[in-house]
Protein backbone atom coordinates (compact mmCIF):
# COMPACT_ATOMS: atom_id res chain seq x y z
CA MET A 1 -31.48 56.03 45.16
CA SER A 2 -34.01 55.11 42.95
CA GLU A 3 -33.55 53.88 39.22
CA GLU A 4 -35.01 57.20 37.74
CA ASN A 5 -32.90 59.20 40.16
CA ASN A 6 -29.55 57.43 39.16
CA GLN A 7 -27.86 59.39 36.52
CA TYR A 8 -26.19 55.98 35.17
CA SER A 9 -29.94 54.32 34.85
CA PHE A 10 -31.90 53.88 31.93
CA GLU A 11 -34.97 55.53 33.33
CA ASN A 12 -33.06 58.55 33.65
CA GLU A 13 -34.53 60.28 30.59
CA THR A 14 -31.25 62.22 29.98
CA TYR A 15 -28.88 59.07 30.46
CA ARG A 16 -31.37 57.42 28.02
CA LYS A 17 -31.15 60.11 25.29
CA THR A 18 -27.34 59.95 25.89
CA TYR A 19 -27.17 56.23 25.28
CA TRP A 20 -29.27 56.35 21.74
CA HIS A 21 -26.98 59.51 20.94
CA THR A 22 -24.47 57.40 21.22
CA CYS A 23 -25.91 54.63 19.20
CA SER A 24 -27.12 57.00 16.11
CA HIS A 25 -23.45 58.11 15.91
CA ILE A 26 -22.43 53.70 15.80
CA LEU A 27 -24.84 53.58 12.99
CA ALA A 28 -23.23 56.24 10.94
CA GLN A 29 -19.87 54.77 11.77
CA ALA A 30 -21.36 51.46 10.36
CA MET A 31 -22.79 52.91 7.47
CA LYS A 32 -19.48 54.47 6.65
CA ARG A 33 -17.63 51.33 7.25
CA LEU A 34 -20.12 49.28 4.59
CA HIS A 35 -20.74 52.16 2.09
CA PRO A 36 -18.02 54.80 2.39
CA GLU A 37 -19.98 56.76 -0.75
CA VAL A 38 -23.12 57.86 1.44
CA LYS A 39 -23.04 61.41 2.74
CA LEU A 40 -23.83 61.84 6.47
CA ALA A 41 -26.78 64.45 7.39
CA ILE A 42 -27.87 64.21 11.16
CA GLY A 43 -28.76 61.76 13.71
CA PRO A 44 -30.35 62.41 17.07
CA ALA A 45 -32.19 60.43 19.99
CA ILE A 46 -35.96 60.69 19.98
CA ASP A 47 -38.72 59.45 22.43
CA ASN A 48 -38.46 56.10 21.42
CA GLY A 49 -34.96 55.24 19.97
CA PHE A 50 -32.71 57.08 17.43
CA TYR A 51 -32.40 57.69 13.87
CA TYR A 52 -29.97 58.75 11.18
CA ASP A 53 -30.59 60.71 7.80
CA PHE A 54 -28.25 59.27 5.26
CA ASP A 55 -28.08 60.80 1.31
CA THR A 56 -28.07 57.20 -0.65
CA PRO A 57 -29.93 56.98 -4.06
CA GLU A 58 -32.16 54.28 -2.91
CA PRO A 59 -33.93 52.75 0.47
CA PHE A 60 -32.18 49.91 2.33
CA THR A 61 -33.36 46.74 2.18
CA GLU A 62 -34.29 44.39 5.44
CA GLY A 63 -30.98 42.49 4.32
CA GLN A 64 -28.94 45.81 4.47
CA LEU A 65 -30.36 46.71 7.44
CA ALA A 66 -29.14 43.45 9.01
CA GLU A 67 -25.71 44.07 7.77
CA LEU A 68 -25.75 47.29 9.30
CA GLU A 69 -26.78 45.56 12.59
CA ALA A 70 -24.09 43.34 12.30
CA GLU A 71 -21.45 45.85 11.87
CA MET A 72 -22.85 48.20 14.96
CA ARG A 73 -22.23 45.15 17.24
CA LYS A 74 -18.63 44.67 16.12
CA ILE A 75 -18.26 48.56 17.08
CA CYS A 76 -19.78 47.79 20.62
CA LYS A 77 -17.18 45.03 21.20
CA GLU A 78 -14.69 47.25 19.94
CA LYS A 79 -14.77 49.68 22.84
CA LEU A 80 -14.02 52.42 20.67
CA LYS A 81 -13.62 55.39 22.86
CA LEU A 82 -15.78 58.58 22.48
CA GLU A 83 -13.37 61.85 22.44
CA ARG A 84 -14.73 65.18 21.95
CA PHE A 85 -12.92 67.98 20.06
CA GLU A 86 -13.47 71.53 19.12
CA LEU A 87 -12.16 73.47 15.85
CA PRO A 88 -12.44 77.14 14.56
CA ARG A 89 -15.06 77.63 12.31
CA GLU A 90 -13.03 77.90 8.92
CA GLN A 91 -11.15 74.45 10.26
CA ALA A 92 -14.08 72.76 11.05
CA ARG A 93 -15.46 73.54 7.55
CA ALA A 94 -12.20 72.22 5.74
CA PHE A 95 -12.19 69.18 7.71
CA MET A 96 -16.20 68.19 7.04
CA GLU A 97 -14.79 69.23 3.04
CA GLU A 98 -12.17 66.98 3.09
CA ARG A 99 -14.49 64.31 3.94
CA GLY A 100 -17.07 64.61 1.47
CA GLU A 101 -19.56 65.65 3.97
CA PRO A 102 -21.57 68.53 2.24
CA TYR A 103 -24.46 68.49 4.81
CA LYS A 104 -22.20 68.71 7.50
CA VAL A 105 -20.70 71.72 6.03
CA GLU A 106 -23.99 73.58 5.49
CA LEU A 107 -24.75 72.86 9.08
CA ILE A 108 -21.43 74.80 10.02
CA ASP A 109 -22.37 77.63 7.69
CA ASP A 110 -25.86 77.89 9.65
CA LEU A 111 -24.21 78.09 13.33
CA PRO A 112 -24.29 81.35 14.81
CA GLU A 113 -20.85 83.46 14.76
CA ASP A 114 -20.10 82.75 18.24
CA ALA A 115 -20.74 78.86 18.57
CA VAL A 116 -18.68 76.56 19.60
CA ILE A 117 -18.24 73.90 17.17
CA SER A 118 -17.26 70.24 18.34
CA PHE A 119 -16.81 67.03 16.93
CA TYR A 120 -16.65 63.50 18.28
CA ARG A 121 -13.95 60.75 17.48
CA GLN A 122 -14.73 57.18 17.84
CA GLY A 123 -12.02 55.29 16.06
CA GLU A 124 -11.60 56.03 12.21
CA PHE A 125 -15.13 57.74 12.41
CA THR A 126 -15.38 61.69 13.43
CA ASP A 127 -19.02 63.45 13.42
CA LEU A 128 -19.73 67.10 13.91
CA CYS A 129 -21.88 66.98 17.00
CA ALA A 130 -22.61 68.77 20.24
CA GLY A 131 -23.33 66.12 22.30
CA PRO A 132 -23.47 64.61 24.96
CA HIS A 133 -22.38 60.95 24.37
CA LEU A 134 -21.26 58.08 26.44
CA ASP A 135 -17.49 57.67 26.83
CA SER A 136 -17.02 54.11 24.87
CA THR A 137 -18.89 52.39 22.27
CA GLY A 138 -18.36 49.62 24.66
CA ARG A 139 -21.06 50.95 27.21
CA VAL A 140 -23.86 49.93 24.37
CA LYS A 141 -24.69 46.49 24.54
CA GLY A 142 -24.36 45.30 20.70
CA ASN A 143 -27.25 42.38 20.88
CA ALA A 144 -29.42 44.67 22.57
CA VAL A 145 -29.46 47.03 19.16
CA LYS A 146 -32.40 46.73 16.69
CA LEU A 147 -32.90 48.92 13.32
CA THR A 148 -36.65 49.20 12.94
CA ALA A 149 -37.30 50.86 9.78
CA CYS A 150 -36.26 52.83 6.64
CA ASN A 151 -38.10 55.57 5.43
CA ALA A 152 -38.01 58.85 3.35
CA ALA A 153 -37.30 62.19 4.91
CA TYR A 154 -36.32 65.57 3.33
CA TRP A 155 -33.14 67.29 4.17
CA ARG A 156 -34.33 69.65 7.28
CA GLY A 157 -37.82 68.93 6.97
CA ASP A 158 -38.15 71.14 3.51
CA SER A 159 -39.79 69.25 0.68
CA SER A 160 -37.84 71.15 -2.05
CA ARG A 161 -34.25 70.01 -0.62
CA GLN A 162 -32.96 66.56 -1.08
CA THR A 163 -34.80 63.50 -0.10
CA LEU A 164 -32.73 61.53 2.40
CA GLN A 165 -33.36 58.08 3.66
CA ARG A 166 -34.03 58.26 7.64
CA ILE A 167 -32.94 54.73 9.47
CA TYR A 168 -34.70 54.34 12.65
CA GLY A 169 -33.23 51.85 15.66
CA VAL A 170 -33.56 51.31 19.16
CA ALA A 171 -31.63 49.94 21.86
CA PHE A 172 -31.51 48.94 25.77
CA PRO A 173 -28.92 47.76 27.82
CA LYS A 174 -30.38 44.21 28.43
CA LYS A 175 -31.25 41.92 25.46
CA GLU A 176 -34.35 41.13 27.59
CA GLN A 177 -35.47 44.77 27.45
CA LEU A 178 -35.38 44.64 23.67
CA ASP A 179 -37.16 41.59 23.16
CA GLU A 180 -40.06 42.96 25.59
CA TYR A 181 -40.01 46.25 23.44
CA LEU A 182 -40.57 44.57 20.07
CA ALA A 183 -43.18 42.12 21.45
CA LYS A 184 -44.73 45.18 22.49
CA ILE A 185 -44.50 46.74 19.23
CA GLU A 186 -45.90 43.79 17.38
CA GLU A 187 -48.58 43.68 19.84
CA ALA A 188 -49.43 47.48 18.86
CA LYS A 189 -49.07 46.35 15.28
CA ARG A 190 -51.92 43.40 16.05
CA ARG A 191 -53.89 46.56 17.45
CA ASP A 192 -53.58 48.86 14.80
CA HIS A 193 -57.04 50.62 14.65
CA ARG A 194 -56.58 51.30 10.66
CA ARG A 195 -56.12 47.38 10.07
CA LEU A 196 -59.16 46.64 12.65
CA GLY A 197 -61.04 49.20 11.23
CA ARG A 198 -60.98 47.92 7.92
CA GLU A 199 -61.45 43.98 9.00
CA LEU A 200 -64.19 44.76 11.39
CA GLY A 201 -65.88 47.40 8.95
CA LEU A 202 -65.94 50.18 11.00
CA PHE A 203 -64.54 53.42 9.08
CA LEU A 204 -62.97 53.66 5.62
CA LEU A 205 -59.83 55.87 4.48
CA THR A 206 -59.75 56.86 0.75
CA GLU A 207 -57.52 58.36 -1.50
CA GLU A 208 -60.70 60.52 -2.34
CA GLY A 209 -60.43 62.00 0.86
CA PRO A 210 -57.33 62.03 2.44
CA GLY A 211 -57.82 62.99 6.08
CA PHE A 212 -61.42 63.03 5.95
CA PRO A 213 -62.84 59.65 6.97
CA PHE A 214 -65.87 57.57 6.32
CA PHE A 215 -68.11 55.70 8.96
CA LEU A 216 -69.48 52.66 7.93
CA PRO A 217 -72.77 51.35 9.61
CA LYS A 218 -70.92 49.49 12.25
CA GLY A 219 -68.69 52.28 12.95
CA MET A 220 -71.53 54.63 13.34
CA VAL A 221 -73.30 52.34 15.80
CA LEU A 222 -69.91 52.47 17.28
CA LYS A 223 -69.84 56.19 17.29
CA ASN A 224 -73.45 57.14 18.18
CA THR A 225 -73.21 54.65 21.25
CA LEU A 226 -70.40 56.71 22.21
CA LEU A 227 -72.42 60.08 21.78
CA ASP A 228 -75.36 58.76 23.52
CA TYR A 229 -73.43 57.94 26.50
CA TRP A 230 -71.38 61.30 26.40
CA ARG A 231 -74.90 63.09 26.15
CA GLN A 232 -76.42 60.98 29.26
CA VAL A 233 -73.24 62.08 31.46
CA HIS A 234 -73.65 65.69 30.36
CA ARG A 235 -77.21 66.00 31.04
CA ARG A 236 -76.59 64.62 34.57
CA TYR A 237 -73.66 67.03 35.58
CA GLY A 238 -75.92 69.90 34.38
CA TYR A 239 -74.90 70.77 30.82
CA VAL A 240 -76.96 72.19 27.71
CA GLU A 241 -75.92 70.86 24.41
CA ILE A 242 -75.52 73.89 21.29
CA SER A 243 -74.83 73.25 17.94
CA THR A 244 -72.84 76.26 15.95
CA PRO A 245 -72.16 76.57 12.33
CA ILE A 246 -69.50 75.17 10.62
CA ILE A 247 -68.70 78.50 8.27
CA LEU A 248 -68.53 81.55 9.75
CA ASN A 249 -67.26 84.80 8.45
CA GLN A 250 -63.26 85.81 8.67
CA ALA A 251 -63.69 88.74 10.90
CA LEU A 252 -65.04 86.74 13.54
CA TRP A 253 -61.70 84.66 13.58
CA HIS A 254 -59.64 87.86 13.88
CA ARG A 255 -62.00 89.07 16.63
CA SER A 256 -61.06 85.69 18.63
CA GLY A 257 -57.58 85.86 17.92
CA HIS A 258 -57.50 82.57 16.26
CA TRP A 259 -56.53 84.12 12.68
CA ASP A 260 -53.12 85.13 13.99
CA HIS A 261 -52.50 81.76 15.49
CA TYR A 262 -54.53 79.08 13.28
CA LYS A 263 -54.41 80.73 9.62
CA ASP A 264 -52.63 78.17 8.09
CA ASN A 265 -54.61 75.55 9.18
CA MET A 266 -57.86 77.07 8.40
CA TYR A 267 -59.65 76.66 4.99
CA THR A 268 -61.41 79.53 3.67
CA THR A 269 -64.08 80.36 1.05
CA VAL A 270 -65.69 83.33 -0.52
CA ILE A 271 -69.64 83.78 0.24
CA ASP A 272 -71.19 87.10 -1.80
CA GLY A 273 -68.12 88.64 -2.11
CA GLU A 274 -67.11 88.01 1.91
CA ASP A 275 -64.28 86.19 3.13
CA TYR A 276 -65.50 83.07 5.20
CA ALA A 277 -63.60 80.45 7.17
CA VAL A 278 -64.57 77.03 8.20
CA LYS A 279 -64.00 76.48 12.01
CA PRO A 280 -60.99 74.68 13.29
CA MET A 281 -62.53 74.75 16.53
CA ASN A 282 -66.06 75.69 18.29
CA CYS A 283 -64.93 78.53 20.57
CA PRO A 284 -66.07 81.74 19.02
CA GLY A 285 -69.37 80.14 18.53
CA GLY A 286 -70.23 79.49 21.77
CA MET A 287 -69.11 82.81 22.19
CA LEU A 288 -71.70 84.27 20.06
CA VAL A 289 -74.62 81.95 21.81
CA TYR A 290 -73.44 83.49 25.35
CA LYS A 291 -73.74 86.84 23.85
CA SER A 292 -77.10 86.20 22.18
CA GLU A 293 -79.44 87.33 25.57
CA PRO A 294 -78.42 88.91 28.62
CA HIS A 295 -77.14 87.11 32.00
CA SER A 296 -77.29 87.51 35.47
CA TYR A 297 -75.14 85.68 38.39
CA ARG A 298 -78.11 83.87 38.80
CA ASP A 299 -77.57 82.08 35.34
CA LEU A 300 -73.99 81.19 36.23
CA PRO A 301 -72.20 78.48 35.94
CA LEU A 302 -73.55 78.51 32.52
CA ARG A 303 -72.49 75.03 30.80
CA MET A 304 -72.65 74.48 27.23
CA ALA A 305 -71.55 71.48 25.42
CA GLU A 306 -71.25 71.09 21.64
CA LEU A 307 -70.40 68.00 19.70
CA GLY A 308 -69.12 70.58 16.82
CA LEU A 309 -67.56 69.15 13.32
CA VAL A 310 -64.17 71.29 12.63
CA HIS A 311 -61.61 71.11 9.94
CA ARG A 312 -58.01 71.72 9.90
CA HIS A 313 -55.60 71.96 7.21
CA GLU A 314 -53.10 69.10 8.20
CA MET A 315 -50.21 68.40 6.04
CA SER A 316 -50.53 65.01 3.80
CA GLY A 317 -47.53 63.68 5.76
CA ALA A 318 -49.12 64.02 9.05
CA LEU A 319 -52.20 62.04 8.60
CA HIS A 320 -52.69 59.22 10.32
CA GLY A 321 -55.74 56.91 10.33
CA LEU A 322 -58.24 58.43 12.75
CA PHE A 323 -55.22 59.86 14.99
CA ARG A 324 -54.68 62.67 12.92
CA VAL A 325 -57.50 63.49 10.35
CA ARG A 326 -58.67 67.21 8.66
CA CYS A 327 -62.17 66.66 9.60
CA PHE A 328 -63.21 65.53 13.24
CA THR A 329 -66.07 66.06 15.64
CA GLN A 330 -64.72 68.01 18.78
CA ASP A 331 -66.56 67.38 22.28
CA ASP A 332 -65.98 70.83 23.04
CA ALA A 333 -67.67 72.37 26.45
CA HIS A 334 -67.53 76.03 27.55
CA ILE A 335 -68.24 76.93 30.94
CA PHE A 336 -69.16 80.78 31.77
CA MET A 337 -68.63 81.45 35.54
CA THR A 338 -67.93 84.25 38.28
CA PRO A 339 -64.52 84.09 39.40
CA ASP A 340 -65.38 82.82 42.73
CA GLN A 341 -66.76 79.64 41.06
CA MET A 342 -63.65 78.67 38.90
CA LYS A 343 -62.26 75.90 41.37
CA ASP A 344 -65.55 74.31 41.88
CA GLU A 345 -65.94 74.33 38.22
CA ILE A 346 -62.54 72.81 37.33
CA LYS A 347 -62.99 70.15 40.30
CA GLY A 348 -66.54 69.53 38.36
CA VAL A 349 -65.28 68.89 35.16
CA VAL A 350 -62.30 66.35 36.50
CA ARG A 351 -64.97 64.61 37.83
CA ILE A 352 -66.70 64.01 34.72
CA PHE A 353 -63.35 62.76 33.35
CA ASP A 354 -62.80 60.57 35.92
CA GLU A 355 -66.32 59.23 35.64
CA ILE A 356 -65.72 58.54 32.05
CA TYR A 357 -62.34 57.53 31.57
CA SER A 358 -62.71 54.95 34.10
CA THR A 359 -65.57 53.33 32.05
CA PHE A 360 -63.22 52.59 29.24
CA GLY A 361 -60.63 51.06 31.89
CA LEU A 362 -58.28 54.19 31.11
CA THR A 363 -56.09 55.73 33.55
CA TYR A 364 -54.48 59.14 33.21
CA GLN A 365 -51.79 61.82 34.22
CA ILE A 366 -52.33 65.39 34.19
CA GLU A 367 -49.75 67.90 32.83
CA LEU A 368 -50.29 71.82 33.85
CA SER A 369 -49.54 74.14 30.69
CA THR A 370 -48.04 77.88 31.80
CA MET A 371 -48.31 80.73 29.53
CA PRO A 372 -46.24 80.68 26.32
CA GLU A 373 -44.15 83.68 24.97
CA ASP A 374 -47.00 84.30 22.29
CA HIS A 375 -49.84 85.01 24.47
CA MET A 376 -52.70 87.41 24.88
CA GLY A 377 -53.70 89.25 27.97
CA ASP A 378 -52.31 90.37 31.29
CA GLU A 379 -49.57 88.39 33.33
CA ALA A 380 -51.75 88.97 36.50
CA ASP A 381 -54.68 87.27 34.79
CA TRP A 382 -52.18 84.38 33.58
CA ALA A 383 -50.37 83.93 37.02
CA PHE A 384 -54.36 83.84 38.80
CA ALA A 385 -55.14 81.40 36.43
CA GLU A 386 -52.19 79.35 37.05
CA GLN A 387 -52.83 79.53 40.46
CA THR A 388 -56.56 78.53 40.38
CA LEU A 389 -55.79 75.25 38.45
CA GLU A 390 -53.06 74.25 40.42
CA GLN A 391 -55.08 74.75 43.72
CA ALA A 392 -58.17 72.68 42.06
CA ILE A 393 -56.24 69.52 41.44
CA ARG A 394 -54.17 69.62 44.68
CA GLU A 395 -57.20 69.83 46.81
CA MET A 396 -58.59 66.93 44.76
CA GLY A 397 -55.40 64.95 45.67
CA LYS A 398 -54.41 64.71 41.80
CA ASP A 399 -50.64 64.62 40.91
CA PHE A 400 -49.38 66.76 38.05
CA ALA A 401 -46.72 67.91 35.98
CA VAL A 402 -45.79 71.02 34.99
CA ASN A 403 -45.30 71.92 31.26
CA PRO A 404 -43.78 75.57 31.20
CA GLY A 405 -45.03 77.50 28.18
CA ASP A 406 -47.16 75.29 26.68
CA GLY A 407 -50.34 76.78 27.39
CA ALA A 408 -52.77 78.23 24.76
CA PHE A 409 -52.56 81.64 23.44
CA TYR A 410 -55.39 82.52 25.47
CA GLY A 411 -54.95 80.96 29.02
CA PRO A 412 -53.14 78.20 30.93
CA LYS A 413 -54.47 74.21 30.46
CA LEU A 414 -54.75 71.19 32.39
CA ASP A 415 -54.10 68.19 29.58
CA PHE A 416 -54.99 64.50 30.27
CA HIS A 417 -52.62 62.17 28.75
CA LEU A 418 -54.46 58.99 29.01
CA ALA A 419 -52.73 55.54 29.28
CA ASP A 420 -54.15 52.62 27.43
CA SER A 421 -53.57 48.84 27.98
CA LEU A 422 -50.20 48.61 26.33
CA GLY A 423 -49.08 51.65 28.09
CA ARG A 424 -48.95 54.15 25.39
CA THR A 425 -50.30 57.71 26.32
CA TRP A 426 -52.72 59.78 24.56
CA GLN A 427 -53.38 63.39 25.11
CA CYS A 428 -57.53 63.63 24.93
CA GLY A 429 -58.92 65.48 27.41
CA THR A 430 -58.18 69.68 28.52
CA ILE A 431 -59.21 72.14 30.49
CA GLN A 432 -58.55 75.56 29.72
CA LEU A 433 -58.93 78.63 31.78
CA ASP A 434 -59.76 81.81 29.58
CA PHE A 435 -60.07 85.51 30.86
CA GLN A 436 -58.98 87.01 27.10
CA MET A 437 -61.88 85.68 24.93
CA PRO A 438 -64.87 87.32 27.36
CA GLU A 439 -62.98 90.50 27.14
CA ARG A 440 -62.80 90.30 23.43
CA PHE A 441 -66.11 89.37 22.82
CA GLU A 442 -67.63 92.02 25.79
CA LEU A 443 -69.42 89.06 27.17
CA GLU A 444 -71.17 90.34 30.67
CA TYR A 445 -73.60 89.30 33.18
CA VAL A 446 -75.18 91.30 35.90
CA GLY A 447 -73.51 90.70 39.16
CA GLU A 448 -75.35 90.96 43.21
CA ASP A 449 -74.35 94.80 42.89
CA GLY A 450 -76.26 94.97 40.04
CA GLN A 451 -73.27 96.20 37.79
CA LYS A 452 -71.88 94.57 34.75
CA HIS A 453 -69.07 92.17 35.12
CA ARG A 454 -66.88 89.93 33.04
CA PRO A 455 -67.05 86.26 33.15
CA VAL A 456 -64.68 83.89 33.08
CA MET A 457 -64.47 80.97 30.98
CA ILE A 458 -62.98 77.33 30.79
CA HIS A 459 -62.84 75.77 27.39
CA ARG A 460 -62.61 71.87 27.92
CA ALA A 461 -62.53 69.26 25.58
CA LEU A 462 -62.99 65.73 27.23
CA LEU A 463 -62.64 63.17 24.71
CA GLY A 464 -60.82 65.49 22.28
CA SER A 465 -61.47 64.67 18.71
CA ILE A 466 -64.23 61.87 18.66
CA GLU A 467 -62.67 60.38 15.60
CA ARG A 468 -59.26 60.22 17.61
CA PHE A 469 -60.56 58.65 20.56
CA ILE A 470 -62.35 55.99 18.67
CA GLY A 471 -59.00 55.35 17.24
CA VAL A 472 -57.67 55.07 20.81
CA ILE A 473 -59.96 52.57 22.24
CA THR A 474 -60.09 50.57 19.29
CA GLU A 475 -56.84 49.85 19.97
CA HIS A 476 -56.92 49.71 24.00
CA PHE A 477 -59.67 46.99 23.23
CA ALA A 478 -57.95 45.46 20.27
CA GLY A 479 -61.07 45.89 18.60
CA ALA A 480 -63.18 43.58 21.23
CA PHE A 481 -64.89 46.40 22.71
CA PRO A 482 -67.16 45.81 25.64
CA ALA A 483 -70.52 44.38 25.10
CA TRP A 484 -72.48 47.89 25.40
CA LEU A 485 -70.33 49.62 23.10
CA ALA A 486 -70.06 46.59 20.31
CA PRO A 487 -71.69 47.05 16.88
CA VAL A 488 -73.03 43.91 17.12
CA GLN A 489 -73.60 42.61 20.57
CA VAL A 490 -75.04 39.11 19.73
CA MET A 491 -74.50 36.40 16.73
CA LEU A 492 -77.43 33.79 16.16
CA LEU A 493 -75.64 30.78 15.04
CA PRO A 494 -77.77 27.84 14.18
CA ILE A 495 -76.60 24.34 13.88
CA THR A 496 -79.08 22.90 11.33
CA ASP A 497 -81.69 24.71 8.86
CA ARG A 498 -84.38 23.23 11.08
CA ALA A 499 -82.99 25.65 14.00
CA ALA A 500 -82.78 28.92 11.49
CA GLY A 501 -86.48 29.89 12.55
CA TYR A 502 -85.83 29.68 15.99
CA ALA A 503 -82.88 31.63 15.89
CA GLN A 504 -84.27 34.56 13.47
CA ASP A 505 -87.13 34.30 16.34
CA ILE A 506 -84.75 34.90 19.23
CA CYS A 507 -82.82 37.47 16.99
CA ARG A 508 -86.27 39.51 16.80
CA GLN A 509 -86.69 39.51 20.70
CA LEU A 510 -83.26 40.45 21.35
CA ASN A 511 -83.71 43.32 18.73
CA ASP A 512 -87.15 44.18 20.69
CA ALA A 513 -85.39 44.43 23.75
CA GLY A 514 -83.03 47.20 22.40
CA PHE A 515 -79.94 45.01 21.56
CA ARG A 516 -78.04 44.98 18.64
CA ALA A 517 -78.06 41.28 17.28
CA GLU A 518 -77.73 39.26 14.23
CA THR A 519 -78.20 35.92 12.64
CA ASP A 520 -75.76 33.93 10.62
CA ALA A 521 -77.89 31.38 8.67
CA ARG A 522 -75.45 30.71 6.22
CA ASN A 523 -75.09 27.02 5.32
CA GLU A 524 -71.86 26.85 6.69
CA LYS A 525 -70.27 24.48 9.44
CA ILE A 526 -70.63 25.57 12.73
CA GLY A 527 -66.93 25.88 13.54
CA LYS A 528 -66.66 28.06 10.68
CA LYS A 529 -69.48 30.34 12.08
CA ILE A 530 -68.07 30.48 15.82
CA ARG A 531 -64.49 31.41 14.25
CA GLU A 532 -65.85 34.23 12.04
CA ALA A 533 -67.76 35.50 14.62
CA GLN A 534 -64.74 35.66 17.17
CA LEU A 535 -62.81 37.29 14.16
CA GLN A 536 -65.42 39.98 14.07
CA LYS A 537 -65.13 40.16 17.82
CA ILE A 538 -68.74 40.11 18.67
CA PRO A 539 -69.18 39.54 22.60
CA TYR A 540 -71.84 36.76 22.35
CA MET A 541 -72.44 34.19 19.98
CA LEU A 542 -76.08 31.85 20.85
CA VAL A 543 -75.54 28.58 19.17
CA VAL A 544 -79.23 27.25 18.73
CA GLY A 545 -79.90 23.44 17.52
CA ASP A 546 -82.57 20.84 17.75
CA ARG A 547 -82.27 20.54 21.53
CA ASP A 548 -82.34 23.77 22.30
CA MET A 549 -85.48 24.13 19.87
CA GLU A 550 -87.00 21.67 22.02
CA ASN A 551 -86.11 22.75 25.42
CA GLN A 552 -86.77 26.60 24.40
CA THR A 553 -83.11 27.45 25.68
CA VAL A 554 -80.03 28.97 24.22
CA SER A 555 -76.53 27.98 24.37
CA PRO A 556 -74.07 31.42 24.64
CA ARG A 557 -70.69 31.32 23.80
CA LEU A 558 -68.27 34.19 24.73
CA ARG A 559 -65.78 35.57 21.99
CA THR A 560 -63.19 34.20 24.25
CA GLY A 561 -64.15 30.69 23.80
CA GLN A 562 -65.69 30.03 26.89
CA ASP A 563 -68.72 28.28 26.59
CA LEU A 564 -71.63 29.21 29.36
CA GLY A 565 -73.86 26.06 28.61
CA ALA A 566 -77.62 25.84 27.85
CA MET A 567 -79.97 28.55 29.64
CA PRO A 568 -83.08 29.93 29.51
CA LEU A 569 -83.47 33.11 26.87
CA ASN A 570 -84.53 35.19 29.84
CA ASP A 571 -81.74 34.17 32.20
CA PHE A 572 -79.01 35.10 29.20
CA LEU A 573 -81.22 38.34 28.58
CA ARG A 574 -80.61 39.13 32.07
CA ARG A 575 -77.08 38.68 32.08
CA LEU A 576 -77.00 40.87 28.60
CA GLU A 577 -78.76 43.53 30.15
CA GLU A 578 -76.75 43.67 33.13
CA ARG A 579 -73.20 43.87 31.48
CA VAL A 580 -74.68 46.59 29.09
CA GLU A 581 -76.67 48.94 31.91
CA SER A 582 -73.74 48.64 33.82
CA ARG A 583 -71.24 49.34 30.90
CA SER A 584 -68.77 46.25 32.11
CA LEU A 585 -65.78 45.55 30.74
CA GLU A 586 -66.20 42.10 31.64
CA LEU A 587 -68.52 39.66 29.46
């Protein structure tokens, strides 16, 4: 039996969540032992551990978290049996009232009339809970439990309610697994794109514009290089590029169906007494471009790509660097086609995904999301669209998982979850089949039979949000971008003042050849210049001194510390040109 299929393996999600849920109860028991005045709220397992919310006036310090951890270890050693029991509603309510737990009383009051109200007891501690749990606290390895953070949280997510303290934790069956996890967390902190963006001068996040990132000069070089590559690939795959307005009248968003689903996340304004909205996505503009002229079956498939600036009103608490912003560039494409072209077009999009993601050393997993309850259109169209998506990726030999009911309101989709160098996944690319919007906008083409027909449409984002993708690859590469993408590709480092003019001349030659080079001519020791260039993650440093001037050579040094030795400038140029043109991940 494989580890994943073994019901008692930590690789099994059900068992892992049960393990972490039990840990949350152990945390709550430790809290009540050390701080009996604290009130209990809720304590679920989550995707990467567990948490418990407590009503306490002050956040817990690192020292207090350490004390709670120590008490949790004691509880694990006590091997307390977890026993489930049920009570009628009034008895359950009285049980929690006697213990002074008002949040538990409120939870009981909000349960449906026919709900089974269950509790779990472990030693002197009892909690309202539906379970499941392990059978004993001894099943949890106390030396592999870690409380990781304490943050404020609103009771039941309502900002008008009580502010609670949420303590997060994680636990594993083995101490080695915990150590490995904590090491990965520390590495993730080192790669945090917000810190690297600041240190490398890429972007700026300000209080004056929360969720509205500023790109600095080096960040713009990175962004424009990425977009230049995006455009090259799309031209090669037969796309045309369009641009649609940021603000369009509100009636358009009612017509597209977006207003009913996105109005709470849309910015609105009034122009000449008429209601307008700032676009949260590019789709309706693409519909209008298609509709602006007649089309024949000979024009199809028509692949229209757009780097559209969109705005979404995200809650302030959800904002996170470039990963969650209120203003971003969506790399959309809308493909209009006949029904018999659908499968080939899906495959064509997947081929672009394969090419671009591999350029960054990113792998992916595919998820097929099917019809949600809140959907537009005929269920037969949905079934045909889902079947077509599935057949296309099966024929390409791609594995996929099914995510029932998570499709867009207008059609099913394939989501591409990228895996970075730390094994974390990011949802970036998507392919969405749509029969509904062409119907709403009355899109047409003239078929071979001379009659008018409705096109089918693909919504497609490859990088997703450009800003978010930059955040992803910044962390993936830890800021050490490959040479083709690096804002500064070469730093000239003269050893002496005498070599400064020679360094400047080489710098001009590099820039004239289309590379991005700078010179550090400061009156500093060469060791300091090298260290600072390495901290800036610059791929190549050309150290030049009197001997290089005499011999007309350069001495390349990689940011990894490797010294390539003296060589003619043309030899270095050939190496750099090959790495950049091939978009190599190696220096």
